[in-house]
N, C-alpha and C. Protein backbone atom coordinates (compact mmCIF):
# COMPACT_ATOMS: atom_id res chain seq x y z
N MET A 1 -16.23 13.81 12.25
CA MET A 1 -15.42 13.04 11.80
C MET A 1 -15.64 13.18 10.12
N GLU A 2 -14.21 13.67 9.51
CA GLU A 2 -14.14 13.45 8.29
C GLU A 2 -13.42 12.38 7.67
N GLU A 3 -13.76 11.88 6.41
CA GLU A 3 -13.48 11.12 5.70
C GLU A 3 -13.18 11.02 4.31
N ILE A 4 -12.47 10.33 3.74
CA ILE A 4 -12.15 10.31 2.09
C ILE A 4 -11.50 9.07 1.77
N GLU A 5 -12.09 8.71 0.70
CA GLU A 5 -11.69 7.24 -0.06
C GLU A 5 -11.47 7.27 -1.26
N ALA A 6 -10.37 6.40 -1.30
CA ALA A 6 -9.88 6.36 -3.00
C ALA A 6 -10.22 4.72 -3.29
N ARG A 7 -10.64 4.59 -4.39
CA ARG A 7 -10.53 3.19 -5.08
C ARG A 7 -9.74 2.87 -6.27
N GLY A 8 -9.17 1.90 -6.54
CA GLY A 8 -8.45 1.62 -7.43
C GLY A 8 -8.23 0.35 -8.05
N ARG A 9 -7.42 0.23 -8.85
CA ARG A 9 -7.19 -1.34 -9.40
C ARG A 9 -5.61 -1.08 -9.62
N PHE A 10 -5.01 -2.33 -9.63
CA PHE A 10 -3.79 -2.41 -9.78
C PHE A 10 -3.18 -3.86 -10.33
N HIS A 11 -2.18 -4.35 -11.06
CA HIS A 11 -1.92 -5.60 -11.53
C HIS A 11 -0.78 -6.17 -10.79
N ALA A 12 -0.93 -7.27 -10.35
CA ALA A 12 0.46 -7.57 -9.27
C ALA A 12 0.03 -9.46 -9.37
N ALA A 13 1.19 -10.16 -9.06
CA ALA A 13 1.45 -11.36 -8.99
C ALA A 13 1.73 -11.98 -7.46
N HIS A 14 1.37 -13.15 -7.23
CA HIS A 14 1.41 -13.80 -6.28
C HIS A 14 1.61 -15.19 -6.11
N ARG A 15 1.70 -15.63 -5.18
CA ARG A 15 1.37 -17.48 -5.28
C ARG A 15 1.10 -17.82 -3.56
N GLN A 16 0.37 -18.88 -3.79
CA GLN A 16 0.04 -19.44 -2.33
C GLN A 16 1.05 -20.27 -1.88
N LEU A 17 1.91 -20.23 -0.83
CA LEU A 17 2.77 -21.12 -0.58
C LEU A 17 1.95 -22.28 0.38
N GLY A 18 2.55 -23.56 0.04
CA GLY A 18 1.97 -24.53 0.92
C GLY A 18 0.28 -24.92 0.13
N TYR A 19 0.02 -24.34 -0.80
CA TYR A 19 -1.19 -24.88 -1.11
C TYR A 19 -0.76 -25.74 -2.18
N ASN A 20 -1.65 -27.05 -2.50
CA ASN A 20 -1.44 -28.09 -3.42
C ASN A 20 -2.47 -27.89 -4.67
N GLY A 21 -2.08 -27.31 -5.19
CA GLY A 21 -2.71 -27.06 -6.50
C GLY A 21 -1.93 -25.75 -7.51
N LYS A 22 -2.61 -25.38 -8.52
CA LYS A 22 -2.04 -24.47 -9.30
C LYS A 22 -1.83 -23.09 -8.89
N CYS A 23 -2.50 -22.94 -7.85
CA CYS A 23 -2.28 -21.30 -7.06
C CYS A 23 -1.16 -21.31 -6.36
N ALA A 24 -0.29 -22.29 -6.08
CA ALA A 24 0.80 -22.54 -5.59
C ALA A 24 2.06 -21.83 -6.61
N HIS A 25 1.73 -21.82 -7.67
CA HIS A 25 2.69 -21.27 -8.74
C HIS A 25 2.71 -19.75 -9.15
N VAL A 26 3.58 -19.09 -9.25
CA VAL A 26 3.25 -17.54 -9.69
C VAL A 26 2.09 -17.30 -10.61
N HIS A 27 1.37 -16.33 -10.50
CA HIS A 27 0.23 -16.12 -11.48
C HIS A 27 -0.07 -14.86 -10.84
N GLY A 28 -1.03 -14.04 -11.72
CA GLY A 28 -1.28 -12.65 -11.65
C GLY A 28 -2.76 -12.27 -11.62
N HIS A 29 -3.30 -11.18 -11.20
CA HIS A 29 -4.53 -10.72 -10.88
C HIS A 29 -4.70 -9.21 -11.29
N THR A 30 -5.75 -8.71 -11.49
CA THR A 30 -6.23 -7.52 -11.44
C THR A 30 -6.79 -7.27 -9.86
N TRP A 31 -6.09 -6.56 -9.06
CA TRP A 31 -6.70 -6.39 -7.79
C TRP A 31 -7.42 -5.27 -7.65
N ARG A 32 -8.63 -5.20 -6.95
CA ARG A 32 -9.50 -3.81 -6.67
C ARG A 32 -8.93 -3.64 -5.36
N GLY A 33 -9.22 -2.21 -4.86
CA GLY A 33 -8.98 -1.80 -3.54
C GLY A 33 -9.31 -0.48 -3.10
N THR A 34 -9.67 -0.34 -1.51
CA THR A 34 -10.15 0.91 -1.19
C THR A 34 -9.41 1.02 -0.14
N PHE A 35 -8.92 2.43 -0.01
CA PHE A 35 -8.34 3.04 0.91
C PHE A 35 -9.04 4.15 1.96
N THR A 36 -9.35 3.95 3.17
CA THR A 36 -10.07 5.07 3.48
C THR A 36 -9.08 5.84 4.55
N VAL A 37 -9.34 7.10 4.76
CA VAL A 37 -8.56 8.09 5.67
C VAL A 37 -9.60 8.76 6.27
N LYS A 38 -9.29 8.48 7.82
CA LYS A 38 -10.43 9.40 8.51
C LYS A 38 -9.87 10.06 9.73
N ALA A 39 -10.44 11.20 10.16
CA ALA A 39 -9.77 12.12 11.09
C ALA A 39 -10.81 12.85 11.85
N GLU A 40 -10.77 13.38 12.88
CA GLU A 40 -11.74 14.17 13.28
C GLU A 40 -11.98 15.51 12.45
N GLN A 41 -10.64 15.96 12.14
CA GLN A 41 -10.65 17.15 11.16
C GLN A 41 -9.33 17.08 10.36
N PHE A 42 -9.28 16.98 9.17
CA PHE A 42 -8.03 16.96 8.38
C PHE A 42 -7.29 18.40 8.44
N PRO A 43 -5.79 17.92 8.80
CA PRO A 43 -5.26 19.51 8.59
C PRO A 43 -5.62 20.06 7.53
N ARG A 44 -5.56 21.49 7.12
CA ARG A 44 -6.02 22.11 5.85
C ARG A 44 -4.93 23.04 5.78
N ASP A 45 -4.45 22.95 4.42
CA ASP A 45 -3.45 23.81 3.67
C ASP A 45 -4.57 25.25 3.22
N PRO A 46 -4.32 26.16 4.13
CA PRO A 46 -5.04 27.52 3.91
C PRO A 46 -4.99 28.13 2.85
N GLN A 47 -3.91 28.09 1.92
CA GLN A 47 -3.62 28.58 0.28
C GLN A 47 -4.62 27.56 -0.31
N LEU A 48 -4.82 26.52 -0.31
CA LEU A 48 -5.58 25.63 -1.17
C LEU A 48 -6.73 25.19 -0.74
N ASP A 49 -7.23 25.47 0.36
CA ASP A 49 -8.37 24.84 1.14
C ASP A 49 -8.46 23.22 0.76
N MET A 50 -7.12 22.61 1.21
CA MET A 50 -7.06 21.36 0.65
C MET A 50 -6.54 20.29 1.94
N GLY A 51 -6.93 19.43 2.33
CA GLY A 51 -6.52 18.87 3.43
C GLY A 51 -5.38 17.61 3.27
N ILE A 52 -6.15 16.72 2.34
CA ILE A 52 -5.50 15.61 1.76
C ILE A 52 -5.33 15.43 0.23
N ASP A 53 -4.35 14.98 -0.02
CA ASP A 53 -3.90 14.94 -1.48
C ASP A 53 -4.37 13.89 -1.99
N PHE A 54 -5.50 13.76 -2.65
CA PHE A 54 -6.33 12.73 -3.24
C PHE A 54 -5.32 11.91 -4.38
N GLY A 55 -4.44 12.47 -4.92
CA GLY A 55 -3.65 11.89 -5.72
C GLY A 55 -2.59 10.78 -5.21
N ALA A 56 -2.17 11.56 -3.99
CA ALA A 56 -1.31 10.69 -2.97
C ALA A 56 -2.09 9.53 -2.69
N LEU A 57 -3.17 9.35 -2.14
CA LEU A 57 -3.94 8.17 -2.09
C LEU A 57 -4.22 7.12 -3.04
N LYS A 58 -4.22 7.84 -4.31
CA LYS A 58 -4.13 6.87 -5.60
C LYS A 58 -2.79 6.37 -6.06
N GLY A 59 -1.81 6.98 -5.43
CA GLY A 59 -0.39 6.73 -5.59
C GLY A 59 -0.19 5.36 -4.73
N ILE A 60 -0.77 5.25 -3.75
CA ILE A 60 -0.58 3.70 -3.01
C ILE A 60 -1.01 2.57 -4.02
N PHE A 61 -2.11 2.85 -4.93
CA PHE A 61 -2.32 1.69 -5.76
C PHE A 61 -1.20 1.61 -6.95
N ARG A 62 -0.65 2.66 -7.38
CA ARG A 62 0.74 2.82 -8.44
C ARG A 62 1.64 2.02 -7.77
N ALA A 63 2.16 2.38 -6.58
CA ALA A 63 2.97 1.51 -5.98
C ALA A 63 2.84 0.15 -5.59
N LEU A 64 1.66 -0.56 -5.94
CA LEU A 64 1.35 -1.98 -5.95
C LEU A 64 1.46 -2.42 -7.23
N ASP A 65 1.13 -1.65 -8.35
CA ASP A 65 1.12 -2.06 -9.70
C ASP A 65 2.40 -2.67 -10.38
N HIS A 66 2.35 -4.00 -10.74
CA HIS A 66 2.99 -4.60 -11.53
C HIS A 66 4.41 -5.24 -10.55
N LYS A 67 3.79 -5.52 -9.22
CA LYS A 67 4.75 -6.06 -8.33
C LYS A 67 4.47 -7.32 -8.13
N MET A 68 5.54 -8.08 -7.42
CA MET A 68 5.26 -9.54 -6.77
C MET A 68 4.78 -9.33 -5.28
N LEU A 69 3.58 -9.59 -4.98
CA LEU A 69 3.16 -9.81 -3.43
C LEU A 69 3.37 -11.11 -2.91
N ILE A 70 4.14 -11.00 -1.70
CA ILE A 70 4.48 -12.07 -1.11
C ILE A 70 4.23 -12.10 0.32
N SER A 71 4.45 -13.18 0.94
CA SER A 71 4.12 -13.23 2.53
C SER A 71 5.63 -13.09 3.22
N GLU A 72 5.84 -12.84 4.37
CA GLU A 72 6.99 -13.06 4.84
C GLU A 72 7.86 -14.14 4.86
N LYS A 73 7.08 -15.41 4.65
CA LYS A 73 7.65 -16.70 4.71
C LYS A 73 8.04 -17.23 3.33
N ASP A 74 7.87 -16.24 2.21
CA ASP A 74 8.23 -16.61 0.76
C ASP A 74 9.58 -15.85 0.74
N ARG A 75 10.84 -16.60 1.28
CA ARG A 75 11.98 -16.00 1.26
C ARG A 75 12.64 -15.98 -0.27
N THR A 76 12.25 -17.02 -0.86
CA THR A 76 12.69 -16.83 -2.43
C THR A 76 12.71 -15.44 -2.89
N PHE A 77 11.73 -14.70 -2.89
CA PHE A 77 11.43 -13.52 -3.77
C PHE A 77 12.41 -12.37 -2.93
N LEU A 78 13.03 -12.67 -1.67
CA LEU A 78 13.73 -11.67 -0.89
C LEU A 78 15.20 -11.86 -1.58
N GLN A 79 15.44 -12.80 -2.16
CA GLN A 79 17.14 -12.88 -2.52
C GLN A 79 17.26 -11.97 -3.45
N ARG A 80 18.24 -10.96 -3.23
CA ARG A 80 18.42 -9.92 -3.98
C ARG A 80 19.26 -10.26 -5.39
N GLU A 81 19.85 -11.41 -5.40
CA GLU A 81 20.86 -11.66 -6.49
C GLU A 81 19.68 -12.54 -7.17
N LEU A 82 18.58 -12.56 -7.07
CA LEU A 82 17.64 -13.11 -7.91
C LEU A 82 16.46 -12.13 -8.58
N PHE A 83 16.26 -11.51 -7.49
CA PHE A 83 14.91 -10.53 -7.85
C PHE A 83 15.40 -9.20 -7.42
N GLU A 84 14.78 -8.35 -8.10
CA GLU A 84 15.09 -6.86 -7.59
C GLU A 84 14.14 -6.47 -6.70
N PRO A 85 14.66 -6.07 -5.47
CA PRO A 85 13.75 -5.63 -4.39
C PRO A 85 12.63 -4.68 -4.85
N GLU A 86 12.98 -3.77 -5.69
CA GLU A 86 11.84 -2.82 -6.07
C GLU A 86 10.48 -3.42 -6.59
N GLY A 87 10.49 -4.70 -7.18
CA GLY A 87 9.73 -5.28 -7.58
C GLY A 87 8.97 -6.08 -6.78
N VAL A 88 9.43 -6.28 -5.49
CA VAL A 88 8.47 -7.22 -4.29
C VAL A 88 8.02 -6.45 -3.42
N VAL A 89 6.83 -6.68 -2.84
CA VAL A 89 6.19 -5.83 -1.72
C VAL A 89 5.89 -7.17 -0.64
N VAL A 90 6.27 -6.90 0.42
CA VAL A 90 6.03 -8.09 1.58
C VAL A 90 4.84 -7.58 2.05
N LEU A 91 3.87 -8.63 2.10
CA LEU A 91 2.61 -8.23 2.80
C LEU A 91 2.72 -8.31 4.28
N PRO A 92 1.93 -7.45 4.84
CA PRO A 92 2.00 -7.91 6.45
C PRO A 92 1.14 -9.12 6.90
N GLY A 93 1.91 -9.68 7.92
CA GLY A 93 0.85 -10.90 8.51
C GLY A 93 0.44 -10.71 9.53
N GLU A 94 0.53 -9.42 10.29
CA GLU A 94 0.32 -9.36 11.88
C GLU A 94 -0.29 -7.92 11.74
N LYS A 95 -1.23 -7.73 12.90
CA LYS A 95 -1.78 -6.27 13.19
C LYS A 95 -0.76 -5.13 13.13
N SER A 96 -0.06 -5.44 13.98
CA SER A 96 1.06 -4.28 14.31
C SER A 96 1.91 -4.09 12.91
N GLN A 97 2.07 -5.18 12.26
CA GLN A 97 2.68 -4.98 10.83
C GLN A 97 1.88 -4.09 9.78
N CYS A 98 0.79 -4.24 10.17
CA CYS A 98 -0.14 -3.55 8.97
C CYS A 98 -0.26 -2.09 9.36
N ARG A 99 -0.37 -1.74 10.81
CA ARG A 99 -0.07 -0.56 11.24
C ARG A 99 1.27 0.49 10.84
N GLU A 100 2.23 -0.57 10.82
CA GLU A 100 3.62 0.20 10.57
C GLU A 100 3.54 0.28 8.83
N ARG A 101 2.95 -0.52 8.29
CA ARG A 101 2.80 -0.32 6.63
C ARG A 101 2.15 1.05 6.47
N ARG A 102 0.80 0.84 7.33
CA ARG A 102 0.04 1.95 7.05
C ARG A 102 0.60 3.31 7.42
N SER A 103 1.17 3.26 8.33
CA SER A 103 1.96 4.46 8.81
C SER A 103 2.85 4.86 7.81
N ALA A 104 3.84 4.04 7.14
CA ALA A 104 4.60 4.43 6.01
C ALA A 104 3.94 5.10 4.96
N LEU A 105 3.07 4.40 4.55
CA LEU A 105 2.27 4.75 3.31
C LEU A 105 1.81 6.37 3.41
N SER A 106 1.41 6.72 4.86
CA SER A 106 0.72 7.92 5.08
C SER A 106 1.67 8.80 5.52
N SER A 107 3.02 8.63 5.52
CA SER A 107 3.95 9.63 5.89
C SER A 107 4.05 10.51 5.01
N GLY A 108 4.06 10.30 3.80
CA GLY A 108 4.37 11.20 2.75
C GLY A 108 3.27 12.25 2.66
N SER A 109 2.04 12.01 2.80
CA SER A 109 0.73 12.96 3.26
C SER A 109 1.03 13.92 4.51
N SER A 110 1.44 13.18 5.63
CA SER A 110 1.64 14.13 6.90
C SER A 110 2.79 14.93 6.65
N LYS A 111 3.89 14.74 6.06
CA LYS A 111 4.85 15.52 5.80
C LYS A 111 4.59 16.60 4.98
N ARG A 112 3.66 16.64 3.90
CA ARG A 112 3.25 17.57 2.87
C ARG A 112 2.49 18.59 3.97
N TYR A 113 1.79 18.19 4.93
CA TYR A 113 0.83 19.11 5.50
C TYR A 113 1.35 19.12 7.05
N GLN A 114 2.73 19.03 7.41
CA GLN A 114 3.05 18.77 8.67
C GLN A 114 2.77 20.47 9.34
N ARG A 115 3.03 21.51 8.84
CA ARG A 115 3.09 22.75 9.43
C ARG A 115 1.49 23.05 9.92
N ASN A 116 0.68 22.21 9.30
CA ASN A 116 -0.74 22.57 9.49
C ASN A 116 -1.39 21.65 10.65
N LEU A 117 -0.41 20.58 11.24
CA LEU A 117 -0.78 19.74 12.22
C LEU A 117 -1.15 20.28 13.41
N PRO A 118 -1.68 19.65 14.42
CA PRO A 118 -1.70 20.33 15.74
C PRO A 118 -0.37 19.72 16.57
C-alpha cells in the first residue's frame, strides 16, 4: 500500500444554522486539514518517476481558501443574484456526497496520469 499525505491551511467563513448564539452569524477561521491518498500502487509517469502530483493535492486547500463554506440547508448563499457562486462551497452532508466531492477533486490527478492506469 502506498500513501501520500498533504497538510495545509486555508481561510474560510461559515455560520452555524439553527444555533442560538454568535456562531449563527457569518464568521471566519483559519482551517487546518489533511488529505491522504492511498492506493495499492500509484500509477507512475515513467519519464518523471512520479505518481501523484503533490502540488495538485495542495491545490485542494487553495480551492477552499477565502470561500464561504455552507451546508446544503443554507439556501441564502446559493442565490446567484446575491452571491458569486465561485465564492461558495457546499459541504457534503452524507457519505455518498463525500465520495462524489472526493471523486471530483481527485479527477484532475487521474486525468493527468490516465495513460498509466491499469
